[in-house]
Every structure is written in C-alpha cells, then in structure tokens.
C-alpha atoms as a PDB file:
ATOM      1  CA  UNK A   1      28.682 -65.976  34.924  1.00  0.00           C
ATOM      2  CA  UNK A   2      28.534 -66.786  38.620  1.00  0.00           C
ATOM      3  CA  UNK A   3      28.017 -63.923  41.085  1.00  0.00           C
ATOM      4  CA  UNK A   4      30.813 -63.612  43.609  1.00  0.00           C
ATOM      5  CA  UNK A   5      32.195 -61.250  46.229  1.00  0.00           C
ATOM      6  CA  UNK A   6      35.670 -59.828  46.563  1.00  0.00           C
ATOM      7  CA  UNK A   7      36.365 -61.887  49.708  1.00  0.00           C
ATOM      8  CA  UNK A   8      35.228 -65.107  48.049  1.00  0.00           C
ATOM      9  CA  UNK A   9      37.331 -64.389  44.984  1.00  0.00           C
ATOM     10  CA  UNK A  10      40.401 -63.777  47.140  1.00  0.00           C
ATOM     11  CA  UNK A  11      39.927 -67.109  48.923  1.00  0.00           C
ATOM     12  CA  UNK A  12      39.461 -68.948  45.624  1.00  0.00           C
ATOM     13  CA  UNK A  13      42.636 -67.467  44.161  1.00  0.00           C
ATOM     14  CA  UNK A  14      44.693 -68.405  47.195  1.00  0.00           C
ATOM     15  CA  UNK A  15      43.542 -72.014  46.776  1.00  0.00           C
ATOM     16  CA  UNK A  16      44.979 -71.994  43.233  1.00  0.00           C
ATOM     17  CA  UNK A  17      48.542 -71.342  44.386  1.00  0.00           C
ATOM     18  CA  UNK A  18      51.087 -74.064  43.686  1.00  0.00           C
ATOM     19  CA  UNK A  19      49.682 -74.877  40.217  1.00  0.00           C
ATOM     20  CA  UNK A  20      52.026 -72.692  38.194  1.00  0.00           C
ATOM     21  CA  UNK A  21      51.315 -69.078  37.373  1.00  0.00           C
ATOM     22  CA  UNK A  22      47.601 -68.207  37.339  1.00  0.00           C
ATOM     23  CA  UNK A  23      46.347 -65.326  35.170  1.00  0.00           C
ATOM     24  CA  UNK A  24      43.193 -63.588  36.390  1.00  0.00           C
ATOM     25  CA  UNK A  25      41.433 -61.163  34.034  1.00  0.00           C
ATOM     26  CA  UNK A  26      39.540 -58.262  35.632  1.00  0.00           C
ATOM     27  CA  UNK A  27      37.295 -56.758  32.972  1.00  0.00           C
ATOM     28  CA  UNK A  28      34.916 -53.826  32.945  1.00  0.00           C
ATOM     29  CA  UNK A  29      34.166 -50.462  31.327  1.00  0.00           C
ATOM     30  CA  UNK A  30      36.225 -47.369  32.109  1.00  0.00           C
ATOM     31  CA  UNK A  31      35.223 -46.078  35.537  1.00  0.00           C
ATOM     32  CA  UNK A  32      33.782 -49.371  36.752  1.00  0.00           C
ATOM     33  CA  UNK A  33      36.464 -49.803  39.426  1.00  0.00           C
ATOM     34  CA  UNK A  34      38.872 -52.275  37.787  1.00  0.00           C
ATOM     35  CA  UNK A  35      42.034 -50.705  39.145  1.00  0.00           C
ATOM     36  CA  UNK A  36      40.591 -50.299  42.633  1.00  0.00           C
ATOM     37  CA  UNK A  37      39.434 -53.923  42.678  1.00  0.00           C
ATOM     38  CA  UNK A  38      42.711 -55.215  41.233  1.00  0.00           C
ATOM     39  CA  UNK A  39      44.826 -53.293  43.717  1.00  0.00           C
ATOM     40  CA  UNK A  40      42.588 -54.451  46.564  1.00  0.00           C
ATOM     41  CA  UNK A  41      42.947 -58.068  45.468  1.00  0.00           C
ATOM     42  CA  UNK A  42      46.711 -57.672  45.169  1.00  0.00           C
ATOM     43  CA  UNK A  43      46.910 -56.283  48.719  1.00  0.00           C
ATOM     44  CA  UNK A  44      44.685 -59.016  50.165  1.00  0.00           C
ATOM     45  CA  UNK A  45      46.577 -61.802  48.390  1.00  0.00           C
ATOM     46  CA  UNK A  46      49.992 -60.470  49.366  1.00  0.00           C
ATOM     47  CA  UNK A  47      48.862 -60.026  52.949  1.00  0.00           C
ATOM     48  CA  UNK A  48      47.977 -63.726  53.037  1.00  0.00           C
ATOM     49  CA  UNK A  49      51.055 -64.848  51.068  1.00  0.00           C
ATOM     50  CA  UNK A  50      53.677 -62.093  50.663  1.00  0.00           C
ATOM     51  CA  UNK A  51      54.897 -61.622  47.102  1.00  0.00           C
ATOM     52  CA  UNK A  52      52.423 -64.050  45.527  1.00  0.00           C
ATOM     53  CA  UNK A  53      50.417 -61.474  43.519  1.00  0.00           C
ATOM     54  CA  UNK A  54      50.939 -58.557  41.146  1.00  0.00           C
ATOM     55  CA  UNK A  55      48.771 -56.393  38.884  1.00  0.00           C
ATOM     56  CA  UNK A  56      49.450 -56.004  35.157  1.00  0.00           C
ATOM     57  CA  UNK A  57      47.275 -53.354  33.438  1.00  0.00           C
ATOM     58  CA  UNK A  58      46.744 -53.496  29.671  1.00  0.00           C
ATOM     59  CA  UNK A  59      47.055 -49.673  29.495  1.00  0.00           C
ATOM     60  CA  UNK A  60      50.772 -50.001  28.756  1.00  0.00           C
ATOM     61  CA  UNK A  61      49.749 -51.086  25.255  1.00  0.00           C
ATOM     62  CA  UNK A  62      48.184 -47.767  24.226  1.00  0.00           C
ATOM     63  CA  UNK A  63      49.542 -46.659  20.877  1.00  0.00           C
ATOM     64  CA  UNK A  64      51.581 -43.477  21.182  1.00  0.00           C
ATOM     65  CA  UNK A  65      49.743 -40.200  20.564  1.00  0.00           C
ATOM     66  CA  UNK A  66      51.895 -39.518  17.492  1.00  0.00           C
ATOM     67  CA  UNK A  67      50.634 -42.730  15.888  1.00  0.00           C
ATOM     68  CA  UNK A  68      47.037 -42.011  16.879  1.00  0.00           C
ATOM     69  CA  UNK A  69      47.315 -38.512  15.386  1.00  0.00           C
ATOM     70  CA  UNK A  70      48.666 -40.002  12.148  1.00  0.00           C
ATOM     71  CA  UNK A  71      45.731 -42.422  12.008  1.00  0.00           C
ATOM     72  CA  UNK A  72      43.159 -39.777  12.972  1.00  0.00           C
ATOM     73  CA  UNK A  73      42.333 -41.672  16.178  1.00  0.00           C
ATOM     74  CA  UNK A  74      43.624 -39.328  18.900  1.00  0.00           C
ATOM     75  CA  UNK A  75      40.085 -38.158  19.912  1.00  0.00           C
ATOM     76  CA  UNK A  76      39.140 -41.837  20.415  1.00  0.00           C
ATOM     77  CA  UNK A  77      42.125 -42.772  22.572  1.00  0.00           C
ATOM     78  CA  UNK A  78      41.014 -45.649  24.774  1.00  0.00           C
ATOM     79  CA  UNK A  79      38.867 -47.319  22.088  1.00  0.00           C
ATOM     80  CA  UNK A  80      39.788 -50.920  21.144  1.00  0.00           C
ATOM     81  CA  UNK A  81      41.608 -49.908  17.943  1.00  0.00           C
ATOM     82  CA  UNK A  82      43.921 -47.541  19.864  1.00  0.00           C
ATOM     83  CA  UNK A  83      45.723 -50.445  21.596  1.00  0.00           C
ATOM     84  CA  UNK A  84      48.438 -52.768  20.284  1.00  0.00           C
ATOM     85  CA  UNK A  85      46.454 -55.939  20.912  1.00  0.00           C
ATOM     86  CA  UNK A  86      48.989 -58.194  19.158  1.00  0.00           C
ATOM     87  CA  UNK A  87      51.839 -56.897  21.311  1.00  0.00           C
ATOM     88  CA  UNK A  88      49.695 -57.289  24.406  1.00  0.00           C
ATOM     89  CA  UNK A  89      48.808 -60.889  23.476  1.00  0.00           C
ATOM     90  CA  UNK A  90      52.492 -61.713  22.974  1.00  0.00           C
ATOM     91  CA  UNK A  91      53.309 -60.331  26.424  1.00  0.00           C
ATOM     92  CA  UNK A  92      50.500 -62.356  28.030  1.00  0.00           C
ATOM     93  CA  UNK A  93      51.944 -65.512  26.469  1.00  0.00           C
ATOM     94  CA  UNK A  94      55.382 -64.697  27.903  1.00  0.00           C
ATOM     95  CA  UNK A  95      53.861 -63.999  31.311  1.00  0.00           C
ATOM     96  CA  UNK A  96      52.004 -67.334  31.232  1.00  0.00           C
ATOM     97  CA  UNK A  97      55.200 -69.216  30.401  1.00  0.00           C
ATOM     98  CA  UNK A  98      56.926 -67.464  33.330  1.00  0.00           C
ATOM     99  CA  UNK A  99      60.416 -68.468  32.258  1.00  0.00           C
ATOM    100  CA  UNK A 100      62.105 -65.483  33.925  1.00  0.00           C
ATOM    101  CA  UNK A 101      61.524 -62.059  35.456  1.00  0.00           C
ATOM    102  CA  UNK A 102      59.815 -59.996  32.737  1.00  0.00           C
ATOM    103  CA  UNK A 103      59.935 -56.250  32.032  1.00  0.00           C
ATOM    104  CA  UNK A 104      56.549 -54.779  31.094  1.00  0.00           C
ATOM    105  CA  UNK A 105      55.441 -51.336  29.862  1.00  0.00           C
ATOM    106  CA  UNK A 106      53.627 -48.889  32.116  1.00  0.00           C
ATOM    107  CA  UNK A 107      51.224 -46.166  30.982  1.00  0.00           C
ATOM    108  CA  UNK A 108      52.212 -42.818  32.517  1.00  0.00           C
ATOM    109  CA  UNK A 109      48.996 -40.856  32.987  1.00  0.00           C
ATOM    110  CA  UNK A 110      50.772 -37.579  33.649  1.00  0.00           C
ATOM    111  CA  UNK A 111      52.781 -37.789  30.424  1.00  0.00           C
ATOM    112  CA  UNK A 112      50.029 -39.643  28.484  1.00  0.00           C
ATOM    113  CA  UNK A 113      52.570 -42.112  27.103  1.00  0.00           C
ATOM    114  CA  UNK A 114      53.580 -45.726  27.676  1.00  0.00           C
ATOM    115  CA  UNK A 115      57.069 -46.233  29.117  1.00  0.00           C
ATOM    116  CA  UNK A 116      58.637 -49.439  27.841  1.00  0.00           C
ATOM    117  CA  UNK A 117      60.340 -51.776  30.311  1.00  0.00           C
ATOM    118  CA  UNK A 118      59.243 -49.577  33.207  1.00  0.00           C
ATOM    119  CA  UNK A 119      58.395 -52.382  35.631  1.00  0.00           C
ATOM    120  CA  UNK A 120      59.427 -55.959  36.398  1.00  0.00           C
ATOM    121  CA  UNK A 121      57.016 -58.838  37.016  1.00  0.00           C
ATOM    122  CA  UNK A 122      59.117 -61.276  39.100  1.00  0.00           C
ATOM    123  CA  UNK A 123      59.080 -64.965  38.259  1.00  0.00           C
ATOM    124  CA  UNK A 124      58.011 -65.589  41.861  1.00  0.00           C
ATOM    125  CA  UNK A 125      54.562 -64.050  41.244  1.00  0.00           C
ATOM    126  CA  UNK A 126      52.029 -66.897  41.248  1.00  0.00           C
ATOM    127  CA  UNK A 127      48.793 -64.911  40.835  1.00  0.00           C
ATOM    128  CA  UNK A 128      48.917 -62.284  38.107  1.00  0.00           C
ATOM    129  CA  UNK A 129      45.933 -59.927  38.015  1.00  0.00           C
ATOM    130  CA  UNK A 130      45.519 -58.577  34.475  1.00  0.00           C
ATOM    131  CA  UNK A 131      43.131 -55.638  34.304  1.00  0.00           C
ATOM    132  CA  UNK A 132      41.656 -53.833  31.327  1.00  0.00           C
ATOM    133  CA  UNK A 133      38.545 -52.840  29.436  1.00  0.00           C
ATOM    134  CA  UNK A 134      38.735 -55.232  26.514  1.00  0.00           C
ATOM    135  CA  UNK A 135      40.215 -58.468  27.837  1.00  0.00           C
ATOM    136  CA  UNK A 136      37.025 -60.364  26.894  1.00  0.00           C
ATOM    137  CA  UNK A 137      35.946 -58.244  23.935  1.00  0.00           C
ATOM    138  CA  UNK A 138      34.260 -60.372  21.290  1.00  0.00           C
ATOM    139  CA  UNK A 139      36.030 -58.789  18.325  1.00  0.00           C
ATOM    140  CA  UNK A 140      38.861 -59.978  16.046  1.00  0.00           C
ATOM    141  CA  UNK A 141      42.213 -60.054  17.828  1.00  0.00           C
ATOM    142  CA  UNK A 142      40.711 -59.388  21.237  1.00  0.00           C
ATOM    143  CA  UNK A 143      38.565 -62.514  21.504  1.00  0.00           C
ATOM    144  CA  UNK A 144      41.660 -64.726  21.286  1.00  0.00           C
ATOM    145  CA  UNK A 145      42.916 -63.332  24.601  1.00  0.00           C
ATOM    146  CA  UNK A 146      40.319 -65.240  26.613  1.00  0.00           C
ATOM    147  CA  UNK A 147      42.222 -68.518  26.125  1.00  0.00           C
ATOM    148  CA  UNK A 148      45.208 -67.035  27.969  1.00  0.00           C
ATOM    149  CA  UNK A 149      43.325 -66.502  31.239  1.00  0.00           C
ATOM    150  CA  UNK A 150      42.693 -69.102  33.926  1.00  0.00           C
ATOM    151  CA  UNK A 151      39.977 -67.081  35.675  1.00  0.00           C
ATOM    152  CA  UNK A 152      37.897 -64.151  34.399  1.00  0.00           C
ATOM    153  CA  UNK A 153      35.911 -61.612  36.394  1.00  0.00           C
ATOM    154  CA  UNK A 154      33.539 -58.998  34.999  1.00  0.00           C
ATOM    155  CA  UNK A 155      32.573 -55.818  36.842  1.00  0.00           C
ATOM    156  CA  UNK A 156      29.014 -54.836  36.011  1.00  0.00           C
ATOM    157  CA  UNK A 157      27.528 -51.411  36.619  1.00  0.00           C
ATOM    158  CA  UNK A 158      24.405 -49.817  35.171  1.00  0.00           C
ATOM    159  CA  UNK A 159      24.770 -47.266  32.387  1.00  0.00           C
ATOM    160  CA  UNK A 160      23.476 -44.521  34.661  1.00  0.00           C
ATOM    161  CA  UNK A 161      25.963 -45.401  37.409  1.00  0.00           C
ATOM    162  CA  UNK A 162      28.787 -45.643  34.888  1.00  0.00           C
ATOM    163  CA  UNK A 163      28.017 -42.177  33.565  1.00  0.00           C
ATOM    164  CA  UNK A 164      27.952 -40.763  37.107  1.00  0.00           C
ATOM    165  CA  UNK A 165      31.332 -42.296  37.891  1.00  0.00           C
ATOM    166  CA  UNK A 166      32.883 -41.020  34.674  1.00  0.00           C
ATOM    167  CA  UNK A 167      31.729 -37.482  35.429  1.00  0.00           C
ATOM    168  CA  UNK A 168      33.226 -37.754  38.918  1.00  0.00           C
ATOM    169  CA  UNK A 169      36.485 -39.088  37.511  1.00  0.00           C
ATOM    170  CA  UNK A 170      36.974 -36.075  35.256  1.00  0.00           C
ATOM    171  CA  UNK A 171      36.077 -33.763  38.130  1.00  0.00           C
ATOM    172  CA  UNK A 172      38.802 -35.500  40.131  1.00  0.00           C
ATOM    173  CA  UNK A 173      41.262 -34.709  37.349  1.00  0.00           C
ATOM    174  CA  UNK A 174      40.367 -31.019  37.661  1.00  0.00           C
ATOM    175  CA  UNK A 175      38.662 -30.760  34.256  1.00  0.00           C
ATOM    176  CA  UNK A 176      36.278 -27.817  33.814  1.00  0.00           C
ATOM    177  CA  UNK A 177      32.652 -28.854  34.315  1.00  0.00           C
ATOM    178  CA  UNK A 178      31.690 -27.505  30.892  1.00  0.00           C
ATOM    179  CA  UNK A 179      34.226 -29.758  29.187  1.00  0.00           C
ATOM    180  CA  UNK A 180      33.219 -32.995  30.920  1.00  0.00           C
ATOM    181  CA  UNK A 181      30.056 -33.916  28.933  1.00  0.00           C
ATOM    182  CA  UNK A 182      31.993 -33.976  25.658  1.00  0.00           C
ATOM    183  CA  UNK A 183      34.725 -36.174  27.114  1.00  0.00           C
ATOM    184  CA  UNK A 184      32.183 -38.599  28.556  1.00  0.00           C
ATOM    185  CA  UNK A 185      29.719 -38.727  25.666  1.00  0.00           C
ATOM    186  CA  UNK A 186      32.189 -38.616  22.777  1.00  0.00           C
ATOM    187  CA  UNK A 187      34.589 -41.280  24.050  1.00  0.00           C
ATOM    188  CA  UNK A 188      34.200 -42.737  27.533  1.00  0.00           C
ATOM    189  CA  UNK A 189      30.576 -43.873  27.328  1.00  0.00           C
ATOM    190  CA  UNK A 190      30.905 -45.359  23.808  1.00  0.00           C
ATOM    191  CA  UNK A 191      33.928 -47.328  25.034  1.00  0.00           C
ATOM    192  CA  UNK A 192      32.075 -48.390  28.164  1.00  0.00           C
ATOM    193  CA  UNK A 193      29.029 -49.539  26.224  1.00  0.00           C
ATOM    194  CA  UNK A 194      31.287 -51.538  23.905  1.00  0.00           C
ATOM    195  CA  UNK A 195      32.568 -53.424  26.952  1.00  0.00           C
ATOM    196  CA  UNK A 196      29.121 -53.935  28.488  1.00  0.00           C
ATOM    197  CA  UNK A 197      27.435 -55.060  25.269  1.00  0.00           C
ATOM    198  CA  UNK A 198      30.157 -56.917  23.365  1.00  0.00           C
ATOM    199  CA  UNK A 199      32.225 -58.865  25.898  1.00  0.00           C
ATOM    200  CA  UNK A 200      32.367 -62.646  26.179  1.00  0.00           C
ATOM    201  CA  UNK A 201      30.896 -64.113  29.386  1.00  0.00           C
ATOM    202  CA  UNK A 202      33.212 -64.139  32.405  1.00  0.00           C
ATOM    203  CA  UNK A 203      33.569 -66.926  34.957  1.00  0.00           C
ATOM    204  CA  UNK A 204      32.486 -64.590  37.756  1.00  0.00           C
ATOM    205  CA  UNK A 205      30.672 -61.290  37.988  1.00  0.00           C
ATOM    206  CA  UNK A 206      30.920 -58.593  40.635  1.00  0.00           C
ATOM    207  CA  UNK A 207      27.852 -56.374  40.550  1.00  0.00           C
ATOM    208  CA  UNK A 208      27.438 -52.660  41.051  1.00  0.00           C
ATOM    209  CA  UNK A 209      26.578 -53.081  44.734  1.00  0.00           C
ATOM    210  CA  UNK A 210      29.917 -54.818  45.371  1.00  0.00           C
ATOM    211  CA  UNK A 211      32.016 -52.703  43.016  1.00  0.00           C
ATOM    212  CA  UNK A 212      34.214 -50.145  44.789  1.00  0.00           C
ATOM    213  CA  UNK A 213      33.939 -46.529  43.672  1.00  0.00           C
ATOM    214  CA  UNK A 214      37.000 -45.726  41.582  1.00  0.00           C
ATOM    215  CA  UNK A 215      39.702 -43.320  42.629  1.00  0.00           C
ATOM    216  CA  UNK A 216      41.144 -40.507  40.524  1.00  0.00           C
ATOM    217  CA  UNK A 217      44.182 -42.706  39.777  1.00  0.00           C
ATOM    218  CA  UNK A 218      42.105 -45.021  37.561  1.00  0.00           C
END
C-alpha cells in the first residue's frame, strides 16, 4: 500500500479519464470516514470535469430485516454475512461493462431498508467511487470483488480513534448514552476489526491524520 493524500488521489483519478469506466474502491471500517471521503472526491472530480464521477455505496445490498430476523442475524446487521455479496458482485460487473444507464438500490437509513432501483448511475459517469466496509475482505465471496476494481484505497484509523468516532456517531443519531457501549462493542467494533485485520492490501492508504471526521449521515 502506498500512502497518498486526498488531493493526490483526485489528480490521479482525473488522469485516468478517457480509458473507459474506472471503478475506485474506498474501503474502511464503519466510522472511518468512507462516505465523507467518497463524497468529497465526487465533488472535487465533478468540479474539475462536471458529471464525470458518482458514488455507489454497497449499503444498498443489506439483506432486509425480515430475512435477518429469520436467520437470527438482526443484532449483527452490518456484519459481512448480512449483505447479499453475490447480488452486489453482479451489479459491479454490470457497472464495469457500462452498457447503459443502470438503476441501483439505495439504503434508506431512516426506514432501515434498501429501496430497489432508487437511483440511476448514468452511462456518462467515467469515475465510479464504490464505498463500503468489505470491498477487500479476504473471505469467500468477498475476496473475488477485488478483481472488479481498477484502483483501491484503504482508510486506516487506530482502534482507539475508531471507537471514539463510533461513540460520536451514535451520539449524533440521538441514541441514549447508556445504550451506546452495547451498540459499539457488540457490533460496530467487531465489524471494524474484521475490516482492519482481514482485508486484502489496497493500492493506496489514507491514514488517520488525513481521514476526515465522519458526519452523522454515514
């Protein structure tokens, strides 16, 4: 992994335009700042070349709560086995082929469900920023995704900093302080440590010092 900055990454991506659609994976644990970084990259790229970039989060491939309840996995929502990785991989292949405008699912955080066909990725998008926790996870099903990306970026934060950010995220959602430790320790931190300890190497790494603090929309 090569250290890089957000500005350098933006410049490198702009140089890749004109080569067909480029898929960039932005990987990191929950609370590391993936969405903030991805949205910042999208804004910077589209400022330089309007309409060239879009963000595609993997969160639209959460299994529905009814399925997770049936499988006994609802308390672990957000863990690798609570996503439809095969469906996500199929969509990435379609997005790489870029044969037409493509409808993609969007995870609605207020409703806690994925809405199918809720957004269009236009065929004119050249730089597609795919963001998610497990895009480089070295586990069956997930590890095959790495071949679908042209560039990969890992956000790295210390375990202590990650825990601090996760606590702040739940505070931003208005969760009672007494309820936050269970949410963080029972699910968020185990998921985060899975990403930090079991991901394949990325092409580039953005370290804690360069990682933007997440917003409550993450």
